[in-house]
Amino acid sequence: MNKDDFIKKVMTLANIENKEIAERGVQIVFSLLSYRLTEGEQKDVEAQLPHDLKRIWNNRVWAVNFFRLSGKRLKYRHKMELMSLVDNEIKREKLPLHAEKLTKAVFHALKENISFGESEDIAHMLPKDVREFYKAA
């Protein structure tokens, strides 16, 4: 699946009509998910993604900006914290997206693009209720 197919899948699953908005939503969720993983795991996931999706996966701008502004390392521990972070970014950019629908769609499409073993590795690095949400997506 290339980037366009990935974005279309997310658009379908999350009922998003605009491709650019969907892509920005994917970048937000990818940034928050990849930032929660170890660097090694980030690279393992990246290795399984098509080239055009790798650029979105490696988009660390949001996480770096968060650290620079807050002076804290981002560590969400609960699903609601993750949804709040996604929702805050959606609102900041004035995107017509629903945080939970978007995140679930991105998780689902990501799992279709990586091996089951890699998906399990991601799940094991997530806090319990985020892991359950990820696995259910």
Protein backbone atom coordinates (compact mmCIF):
# COMPACT_ATOMS: atom_id res chain seq x y z
CA MET A 1 0.00 0.00 0.00
CA ASN A 2 1.48 3.35 -1.00
CA LYS A 3 0.85 6.69 0.76
CA ASP A 4 -2.16 7.56 -1.40
CA ASP A 5 -3.80 4.21 -0.68
CA PHE A 6 -3.01 4.59 3.02
CA ILE A 7 -4.58 8.06 3.12
CA LYS A 8 -7.64 6.83 1.19
CA LYS A 9 -8.03 3.96 3.67
CA VAL A 10 -7.93 6.42 6.59
CA MET A 11 -10.40 8.69 4.78
CA THR A 12 -12.82 5.80 4.36
CA LEU A 13 -12.47 4.50 7.91
CA ALA A 14 -12.72 7.93 9.57
CA ASN A 15 -15.24 9.40 7.10
CA ILE A 16 -12.92 12.23 5.99
CA GLU A 17 -13.64 13.89 2.66
CA ASN A 18 -10.49 15.97 2.11
CA LYS A 19 -7.20 14.24 1.27
CA GLU A 20 -4.93 17.03 2.59
CA ILE A 21 -6.80 17.12 5.89
CA ALA A 22 -6.60 13.35 6.17
CA GLU A 23 -2.86 13.41 5.48
CA ARG A 24 -2.31 16.02 8.17
CA GLY A 25 -4.33 13.87 10.57
CA VAL A 26 -2.15 10.87 9.75
CA GLN A 27 0.96 12.97 10.45
CA ILE A 28 -0.40 13.97 13.85
CA VAL A 29 -1.17 10.40 14.90
CA PHE A 30 2.07 9.02 13.45
CA SER A 31 4.06 11.67 15.31
CA LEU A 32 2.41 10.86 18.63
CA LEU A 33 2.67 7.11 18.16
CA SER A 34 6.26 7.02 16.92
CA TYR A 35 7.38 9.35 19.68
CA ARG A 36 6.07 6.85 22.26
CA LEU A 37 8.23 4.06 20.81
CA THR A 38 11.94 3.47 21.26
CA GLU A 39 14.19 4.66 18.43
CA GLY A 40 14.88 1.05 17.50
CA GLU A 41 11.19 0.27 17.22
CA GLN A 42 10.59 3.46 15.23
CA LYS A 43 13.19 2.26 12.72
CA ASP A 44 11.71 -1.25 12.62
CA VAL A 45 8.29 0.15 11.72
CA GLU A 46 9.83 2.53 9.20
CA ALA A 47 11.61 -0.35 7.48
CA GLN A 48 8.25 -1.97 6.70
CA LEU A 49 6.57 1.14 5.31
CA PRO A 50 6.63 2.22 1.66
CA HIS A 51 9.06 5.06 0.93
CA ASP A 52 6.39 7.75 0.63
CA LEU A 53 4.91 6.81 4.03
CA LYS A 54 8.31 6.82 5.72
CA ARG A 55 8.49 10.59 5.38
CA ILE A 56 5.23 10.96 7.28
CA TRP A 57 6.26 8.38 9.91
CA ASN A 58 9.52 10.21 10.57
CA ASN A 59 7.82 13.57 11.03
CA ARG A 60 9.04 14.45 14.52
CA VAL A 61 8.24 18.15 14.27
CA TRP A 62 5.28 17.96 16.64
CA ALA A 63 7.13 16.02 19.35
CA VAL A 64 10.24 18.19 19.08
CA ASN A 65 8.15 21.35 19.29
CA PHE A 66 6.30 19.97 22.33
CA PHE A 67 9.58 19.26 24.10
CA ARG A 68 11.02 22.64 23.19
CA LEU A 69 7.93 24.50 24.41
CA SER A 70 7.26 22.51 27.57
CA GLY A 71 10.72 21.27 28.53
CA LYS A 72 9.14 17.87 29.23
CA ARG A 73 9.27 14.54 27.49
CA LEU A 74 5.83 13.52 26.25
CA LYS A 75 4.56 10.36 27.95
CA TYR A 76 0.87 9.69 27.59
CA ARG A 77 -0.21 6.84 29.82
CA HIS A 78 -3.90 6.55 29.04
CA LYS A 79 -6.07 6.51 25.96
CA MET A 80 -7.77 9.72 27.07
CA GLU A 81 -4.40 11.48 27.27
CA LEU A 82 -3.57 10.37 23.74
CA MET A 83 -6.99 11.47 22.48
CA SER A 84 -6.53 14.82 24.21
CA LEU A 85 -3.16 15.34 22.51
CA VAL A 86 -4.59 14.42 19.11
CA ASP A 87 -7.64 16.62 19.70
CA ASN A 88 -5.52 19.58 20.84
CA GLU A 89 -3.47 19.41 17.65
CA ILE A 90 -6.63 19.06 15.53
CA LYS A 91 -8.11 22.14 17.20
CA ARG A 92 -4.87 24.11 16.97
CA GLU A 93 -4.83 23.54 13.22
CA LYS A 94 -8.62 23.99 12.93
CA LEU A 95 -9.06 20.65 11.20
CA PRO A 96 -12.56 19.16 10.88
CA LEU A 97 -11.52 15.82 12.38
CA HIS A 98 -12.65 13.62 15.26
CA ALA A 99 -9.66 12.52 17.36
CA GLU A 100 -10.81 9.01 18.24
CA LYS A 101 -12.11 8.14 14.75
CA LEU A 102 -8.92 9.46 13.19
CA THR A 103 -6.59 7.66 15.58
CA LYS A 104 -8.47 4.37 15.22
CA ALA A 105 -8.37 4.65 11.41
CA VAL A 106 -4.63 5.40 11.37
CA PHE A 107 -3.89 2.51 13.75
CA HIS A 108 -5.98 0.16 11.60
CA ALA A 109 -4.31 1.21 8.34
CA LEU A 110 -0.85 1.02 9.93
CA LYS A 111 -1.48 -2.53 11.14
CA GLU A 112 -2.44 -3.50 7.58
CA ASN A 113 0.95 -2.20 6.36
CA ILE A 114 3.26 -3.90 8.82
CA SER A 115 3.77 -7.49 9.91
CA PHE A 116 1.77 -8.99 12.75
CA GLY A 117 4.98 -9.33 14.76
CA GLU A 118 5.84 -5.67 14.29
CA SER A 119 2.32 -4.68 15.27
CA GLU A 120 2.67 -6.77 18.43
CA ASP A 121 5.98 -5.05 19.20
CA ILE A 122 4.26 -1.67 18.98
CA ALA A 123 1.41 -2.87 21.19
CA HIS A 124 3.80 -4.09 23.89
CA MET A 125 5.40 -0.64 24.12
CA LEU A 126 2.11 1.14 24.70
CA PRO A 127 0.40 1.66 28.07
CA LYS A 128 -2.38 -0.84 28.78
CA ASP A 129 -5.49 1.05 27.67
CA VAL A 130 -3.73 2.58 24.66
CA ARG A 131 -2.54 -0.94 23.77
CA GLU A 132 -6.10 -2.26 23.97
CA PHE A 133 -7.34 0.59 21.76
CA TYR A 134 -4.51 -0.06 19.26
CA LYS A 135 -5.23 -3.79 19.11
CA ALA A 136 -8.98 -3.21 18.68
CA ALA A 137 -8.46 -0.76 15.80
